[in-house]
Amino acid sequence: MSSQDTAAPSALHRGLKRFWQPPFVGIITTVLMLFGVGLAHALMVAFAEVLGEQTYIGSLIVGAGSIVLLWYAVRSNNENFATWTGFFCGIFVWMTWVEFFYMWYGRENFGLMPRIYDGTDVGEPEYLIMSATIGVLMTMMVFYTFDKDTRCNMFVFFQKHLRLRDGLGPSTKTARDRNYAIITFMETFYVTWFVYAWNLTIFDPAFVGTGNGPLYASLGTVFVSVIWGGYCFSRLIKYKRTSSALRYAIPTANILWINLEIFSHWGWLTEIWLEPSKYSLEVSAFLLAFIILTVLIYRAPKKPSEVGDW
């Protein structure tokens, strides 16, 4: 083998290492998460179409399998692996143990009808049940606000401006003490729940009224989503560590995704992820892009702390 052949891999490695710098890390992780949100919708639809009457039984099994995988990741010291596993487990548990559970209770067990307003379907039965969980969602927000060990920027912001830092005392955990699998799992789960509740609220006439109420609520949401999501993105493009960027991209992408839901509600775009069999080519292209980006980010150069080398 020639000296050129042996030098080629190291040159390629150096080139890729230079590429995985700000702002590329933040941009790629945000795009990846936007693809992930859409594909999660498509996966849920495809799951129900394939399993049919066995969907609810299948959801129990997939959810349980996700918890087993999460157990394995919790025991790992590899932050990169733990972050990715926590993310995927959060998506699968939300889809199977929340959405399909609510679907079964709303449609099969309770026999609820979709909510109709002015002859238009404004909410499936499972979303009526999900709307009733907003109080639990807010209670959990209180818990995280009072958690002195939280590292979430939003809750730390609340703590500072509510003057809680002195009362709560210093954090008892260092970076080495944090379990990134369960952190990412709960972040994915809670952010998904929060965004669902937000969307359900702004489209519900009981909350926003009738007439121009839904329009004003949607316009206000677009404004808040762009400002909030844009601010998060401006911070994200400064990230160097891919594992940290991936965790921060979860709320960033979900907040920005709210705009797509509103634009679809206005008829400005087609939600192809809700009809994966009809738009199989487009969904397959998104899936391929998601897989490629996932492999690239997972294999990107890591700091020693990201792979458990302290």
Protein backbone atom coordinates (compact mmCIF):
# COMPACT_ATOMS: atom_id res chain seq x y z
CA MET A 1 0.00 0.00 0.00
CA SER A 2 1.37 3.39 -0.94
CA SER A 3 1.92 6.27 1.44
CA GLN A 4 -0.87 8.14 -0.35
CA ASP A 5 -3.30 5.31 0.40
CA THR A 6 -2.44 5.33 4.09
CA ALA A 7 -2.71 9.13 4.32
CA ALA A 8 -6.09 9.32 2.59
CA PRO A 9 -8.25 8.24 5.57
CA SER A 10 -6.58 10.71 7.91
CA ALA A 11 -7.03 13.52 5.38
CA LEU A 12 -10.70 12.61 5.02
CA HIS A 13 -11.06 12.48 8.79
CA ARG A 14 -9.50 15.92 9.12
CA GLY A 15 -11.83 17.28 6.45
CA LEU A 16 -14.92 15.91 8.18
CA LYS A 17 -13.69 17.18 11.54
CA ARG A 18 -13.41 20.69 10.16
CA PHE A 19 -16.92 20.33 8.75
CA TRP A 20 -18.42 19.43 12.14
CA GLN A 21 -18.00 22.91 13.53
CA PRO A 22 -20.45 25.77 14.17
CA PRO A 23 -22.76 26.61 12.52
CA PHE A 24 -23.03 23.27 10.67
CA VAL A 25 -23.64 21.17 13.78
CA GLY A 26 -26.67 23.24 14.75
CA ILE A 27 -28.07 23.48 11.23
CA ILE A 28 -27.80 19.75 10.53
CA THR A 29 -29.26 18.67 13.87
CA THR A 30 -32.21 21.04 13.40
CA VAL A 31 -32.93 19.71 9.90
CA LEU A 32 -32.58 16.17 11.21
CA MET A 33 -35.12 16.80 13.97
CA LEU A 34 -37.57 18.46 11.57
CA PHE A 35 -37.40 15.34 9.41
CA GLY A 36 -37.80 13.25 12.55
CA VAL A 37 -41.05 14.95 13.59
CA GLY A 38 -42.62 14.42 10.18
CA LEU A 39 -41.42 10.83 9.93
CA ALA A 40 -42.77 10.06 13.42
CA HIS A 41 -46.24 11.07 12.17
CA ALA A 42 -45.79 8.91 9.07
CA LEU A 43 -44.58 5.97 11.16
CA MET A 44 -47.65 6.12 13.37
CA VAL A 45 -49.99 6.11 10.37
CA ALA A 46 -48.06 3.28 8.70
CA PHE A 47 -48.03 1.31 11.98
CA ALA A 48 -51.82 1.49 12.20
CA GLU A 49 -52.29 0.66 8.51
CA VAL A 50 -50.05 -2.42 8.66
CA LEU A 51 -51.33 -3.87 11.96
CA GLY A 52 -54.97 -2.96 11.54
CA GLU A 53 -57.01 -4.48 14.38
CA GLN A 54 -53.82 -5.60 16.11
CA THR A 55 -52.53 -2.02 16.39
CA TYR A 56 -53.28 -1.66 20.09
CA ILE A 57 -51.69 -4.99 21.02
CA GLY A 58 -48.71 -4.14 18.85
CA SER A 59 -48.36 -0.74 20.52
CA LEU A 60 -48.11 -2.41 23.94
CA ILE A 61 -45.28 -4.62 22.71
CA VAL A 62 -43.36 -1.84 20.93
CA GLY A 63 -43.68 0.47 23.94
CA ALA A 64 -42.43 -2.24 26.28
CA GLY A 65 -39.53 -2.98 23.93
CA SER A 66 -38.63 0.72 23.95
CA ILE A 67 -38.48 0.72 27.75
CA VAL A 68 -36.16 -2.29 27.66
CA LEU A 69 -33.90 -0.47 25.20
CA LEU A 70 -34.02 2.62 27.43
CA TRP A 71 -32.94 0.45 30.39
CA TYR A 72 -29.92 -0.65 28.37
CA ALA A 73 -29.04 2.94 27.43
CA VAL A 74 -29.41 4.18 31.02
CA ARG A 75 -26.63 1.77 32.01
CA SER A 76 -24.29 3.13 29.31
CA ASN A 77 -21.61 5.76 29.95
CA ASN A 78 -21.54 6.69 26.28
CA GLU A 79 -23.33 10.06 26.04
CA ASN A 80 -23.65 9.81 22.27
CA PHE A 81 -25.34 6.41 22.38
CA ALA A 82 -27.48 7.37 25.39
CA THR A 83 -28.71 10.55 23.72
CA TRP A 84 -29.74 8.85 20.51
CA THR A 85 -31.37 5.93 22.30
CA GLY A 86 -33.26 8.24 24.65
CA PHE A 87 -34.57 10.20 21.68
CA PHE A 88 -35.84 7.18 19.75
CA CYS A 89 -37.33 5.58 22.87
CA GLY A 90 -39.14 8.83 23.67
CA ILE A 91 -40.66 8.93 20.19
CA PHE A 92 -41.76 5.29 20.27
CA VAL A 93 -43.20 5.42 23.79
CA TRP A 94 -45.15 8.58 22.97
CA MET A 95 -46.53 7.00 19.81
CA THR A 96 -47.45 3.65 21.34
CA TRP A 97 -48.24 4.24 25.00
CA VAL A 98 -49.80 7.68 24.62
CA GLU A 99 -51.30 8.27 21.19
CA PHE A 100 -52.50 4.71 20.60
CA PHE A 101 -53.66 4.38 24.22
CA TYR A 102 -55.72 7.56 23.89
CA MET A 103 -57.01 6.35 20.54
CA TRP A 104 -58.17 3.08 22.06
CA TYR A 105 -59.83 4.76 25.04
CA GLY A 106 -61.47 7.46 22.93
CA ARG A 107 -62.66 5.36 20.01
CA GLU A 108 -63.02 1.83 21.35
CA ASN A 109 -63.53 2.02 25.11
CA PHE A 110 -65.41 5.31 25.58
CA GLY A 111 -66.96 5.42 22.10
CA LEU A 112 -66.41 9.16 21.80
CA MET A 113 -67.30 11.00 18.60
CA PRO A 114 -65.01 13.53 16.90
CA ARG A 115 -65.65 17.11 17.95
CA ILE A 116 -67.66 18.95 15.29
CA TYR A 117 -67.91 22.71 14.97
CA ASP A 118 -69.93 24.34 12.17
CA GLY A 119 -69.95 21.02 10.34
CA THR A 120 -66.15 20.70 10.48
CA ASP A 121 -64.21 18.02 12.33
CA VAL A 122 -61.99 19.93 14.77
CA GLY A 123 -60.71 17.08 16.91
CA GLU A 124 -60.51 13.29 16.93
CA PRO A 125 -61.63 11.50 20.15
CA GLU A 126 -58.05 10.87 21.28
CA TYR A 127 -57.27 14.57 21.04
CA LEU A 128 -60.23 15.36 23.26
CA ILE A 129 -58.66 13.16 25.92
CA MET A 130 -55.22 14.65 25.32
CA SER A 131 -56.58 18.16 25.80
CA ALA A 132 -57.74 17.10 29.27
CA THR A 133 -54.12 16.38 30.26
CA ILE A 134 -53.02 20.03 30.02
CA GLY A 135 -53.37 20.36 33.81
CA VAL A 136 -50.98 17.42 34.32
CA LEU A 137 -48.62 18.95 31.77
CA MET A 138 -48.55 22.25 33.69
CA THR A 139 -48.05 20.43 36.99
CA MET A 140 -44.97 18.71 35.59
CA MET A 141 -43.74 22.11 34.42
CA VAL A 142 -43.96 23.28 38.04
CA PHE A 143 -41.89 20.28 39.12
CA TYR A 144 -39.14 21.00 36.59
CA THR A 145 -39.19 24.69 37.53
CA PHE A 146 -38.50 23.75 41.16
CA ASP A 147 -35.88 21.12 40.27
CA LYS A 148 -32.49 22.52 41.28
CA ASP A 149 -30.68 19.93 39.18
CA THR A 150 -32.35 20.90 35.90
CA ARG A 151 -30.07 22.07 33.12
CA CYS A 152 -32.87 23.01 30.73
CA ASN A 153 -32.34 26.61 29.61
CA MET A 154 -36.05 27.45 29.83
CA PHE A 155 -36.45 26.20 33.41
CA VAL A 156 -33.17 27.79 34.47
CA PHE A 157 -34.53 31.06 33.02
CA PHE A 158 -37.69 30.64 35.12
CA GLN A 159 -35.64 29.94 38.23
CA LYS A 160 -33.51 33.04 37.79
CA HIS A 161 -36.40 35.40 37.15
CA LEU A 162 -38.54 33.89 39.91
CA ARG A 163 -35.58 34.25 42.28
CA LEU A 164 -35.52 30.57 43.09
CA ARG A 165 -31.82 29.87 42.71
CA ASP A 166 -30.84 30.84 46.26
CA GLY A 167 -33.75 28.97 47.80
CA LEU A 168 -33.19 25.82 45.78
CA GLY A 169 -29.47 25.78 46.49
CA PRO A 170 -26.64 24.61 44.23
CA SER A 171 -27.06 21.62 41.98
CA THR A 172 -25.90 18.34 43.45
CA LYS A 173 -25.07 16.87 40.04
CA THR A 174 -22.10 17.37 37.77
CA ALA A 175 -22.00 16.60 34.06
CA ARG A 176 -20.62 13.18 34.93
CA ASP A 177 -23.63 12.46 37.16
CA ARG A 178 -26.23 13.23 34.50
CA ASN A 179 -27.91 10.29 32.80
CA TYR A 180 -28.34 11.42 29.22
CA ALA A 181 -30.58 8.53 28.19
CA ILE A 182 -33.39 9.35 30.60
CA ILE A 183 -32.82 13.11 30.18
CA THR A 184 -33.26 12.89 26.41
CA PHE A 185 -36.14 10.45 26.77
CA MET A 186 -38.09 12.78 29.07
CA GLU A 187 -37.16 15.85 27.00
CA THR A 188 -38.49 14.22 23.83
CA PHE A 189 -41.62 13.02 25.61
CA TYR A 190 -42.38 16.31 27.37
CA VAL A 191 -41.63 18.56 24.39
CA THR A 192 -43.85 16.42 22.16
CA TRP A 193 -46.63 16.58 24.74
CA PHE A 194 -46.23 20.35 25.14
CA VAL A 195 -46.41 21.01 21.39
CA TYR A 196 -49.47 18.77 21.01
CA ALA A 197 -51.22 20.65 23.82
CA TRP A 198 -50.28 23.98 22.24
CA ASN A 199 -51.66 22.97 18.84
CA LEU A 200 -54.85 21.53 20.32
CA THR A 201 -55.45 24.72 22.29
CA ILE A 202 -55.12 27.19 19.41
CA PHE A 203 -57.49 25.16 17.23
CA ASP A 204 -60.10 24.60 19.95
CA PRO A 205 -63.04 27.05 19.81
CA ALA A 206 -63.63 26.48 23.53
CA PHE A 207 -60.30 28.25 24.18
CA VAL A 208 -59.92 30.73 21.32
CA GLY A 209 -63.59 31.42 20.62
CA THR A 210 -65.27 31.62 17.25
CA GLY A 211 -65.18 34.01 14.33
CA ASN A 212 -61.70 35.51 14.03
CA GLY A 213 -60.55 33.97 17.31
CA PRO A 214 -58.83 30.93 15.73
CA LEU A 215 -57.12 33.17 13.15
CA TYR A 216 -55.77 35.53 15.78
CA ALA A 217 -54.60 32.59 17.89
CA SER A 218 -52.83 31.06 14.89
CA LEU A 219 -51.18 34.34 13.90
CA GLY A 220 -50.04 34.90 17.47
CA THR A 221 -48.67 31.36 17.59
CA VAL A 222 -46.73 31.83 14.35
CA PHE A 223 -45.21 35.01 15.78
CA VAL A 224 -44.22 33.34 19.07
CA SER A 225 -42.99 30.19 17.32
CA VAL A 226 -40.76 32.11 14.91
CA ILE A 227 -39.30 34.34 17.65
CA TRP A 228 -38.86 31.53 20.19
CA GLY A 229 -37.69 28.93 17.69
CA GLY A 230 -35.44 31.47 15.97
CA TYR A 231 -33.84 32.40 19.29
CA CYS A 232 -33.21 28.73 20.09
CA PHE A 233 -31.75 28.20 16.62
CA SER A 234 -29.45 31.21 17.02
CA ARG A 235 -28.03 29.55 20.14
CA LEU A 236 -27.90 26.11 18.55
CA ILE A 237 -25.68 27.16 15.64
CA LYS A 238 -22.97 28.01 18.19
CA TYR A 239 -22.81 24.42 19.47
CA LYS A 240 -19.72 22.27 18.89
CA ARG A 241 -20.68 19.04 20.68
CA THR A 242 -23.04 16.99 18.51
CA SER A 243 -24.66 15.24 21.50
CA SER A 244 -25.53 18.54 23.18
CA ALA A 245 -26.70 19.98 19.87
CA LEU A 246 -28.96 17.00 19.29
CA ARG A 247 -30.66 17.47 22.65
CA TYR A 248 -31.10 21.21 22.08
CA ALA A 249 -32.42 20.59 18.55
CA ILE A 250 -35.36 18.57 19.93
CA PRO A 251 -37.26 21.59 21.35
CA THR A 252 -35.94 23.92 18.63
CA ALA A 253 -37.33 21.80 15.79
CA ASN A 254 -40.60 21.07 17.58
CA ILE A 255 -41.25 24.76 18.25
CA LEU A 256 -40.59 25.60 14.60
CA TRP A 257 -42.73 22.64 13.50
CA ILE A 258 -45.81 24.33 14.96
CA ASN A 259 -45.72 26.68 11.97
CA LEU A 260 -46.05 23.75 9.57
CA GLU A 261 -49.12 22.53 11.44
CA ILE A 262 -50.71 25.97 11.14
CA PHE A 263 -49.77 26.37 7.47
CA SER A 264 -51.32 22.96 6.80
CA HIS A 265 -54.46 24.02 8.68
CA TRP A 266 -54.63 27.09 6.42
CA GLY A 267 -54.25 24.90 3.32
CA TRP A 268 -50.84 26.28 2.39
CA LEU A 269 -49.13 22.88 2.32
CA THR A 270 -50.02 19.19 2.22
CA GLU A 271 -49.16 17.04 5.23
CA ILE A 272 -47.68 14.17 3.26
CA TRP A 273 -46.53 12.53 6.51
CA LEU A 274 -50.19 11.83 7.35
CA GLU A 275 -50.63 9.85 4.12
CA PRO A 276 -47.38 7.87 3.74
CA SER A 277 -48.89 5.28 1.40
CA LYS A 278 -50.15 7.98 -0.97
CA TYR A 279 -46.90 9.95 -0.88
CA SER A 280 -44.57 6.98 -0.54
CA LEU A 281 -41.88 8.46 -2.82
CA GLU A 282 -41.70 11.75 -0.93
CA VAL A 283 -41.78 10.08 2.50
CA SER A 284 -39.08 7.63 1.36
CA ALA A 285 -36.89 10.56 0.32
CA PHE A 286 -37.31 12.14 3.76
CA LEU A 287 -36.55 8.80 5.41
CA LEU A 288 -33.38 8.36 3.36
CA ALA A 289 -32.23 11.88 4.23
CA PHE A 290 -32.98 11.23 7.90
CA ILE A 291 -30.97 8.00 7.91
CA ILE A 292 -27.98 9.62 6.17
CA LEU A 293 -27.94 12.58 8.56
CA THR A 294 -28.34 10.27 11.55
CA VAL A 295 -25.35 8.16 10.51
CA LEU A 296 -23.25 11.24 9.83
CA ILE A 297 -24.04 12.85 13.18
CA TYR A 298 -23.68 9.61 15.14
CA ARG A 299 -20.26 8.97 13.59
CA ALA A 300 -19.11 12.58 13.64
CA PRO A 301 -15.94 13.37 15.64
CA LYS A 302 -16.75 13.42 19.33
CA LYS A 303 -15.17 14.96 22.38
CA PRO A 304 -13.88 12.33 24.86
CA SER A 305 -16.71 13.12 27.29
CA GLU A 306 -19.31 12.22 24.64
CA VAL A 307 -18.13 8.63 24.38
CA GLY A 308 -17.60 7.98 28.09
CA ASP A 309 -13.85 8.71 28.12
CA TRP A 310 -13.40 11.03 31.10
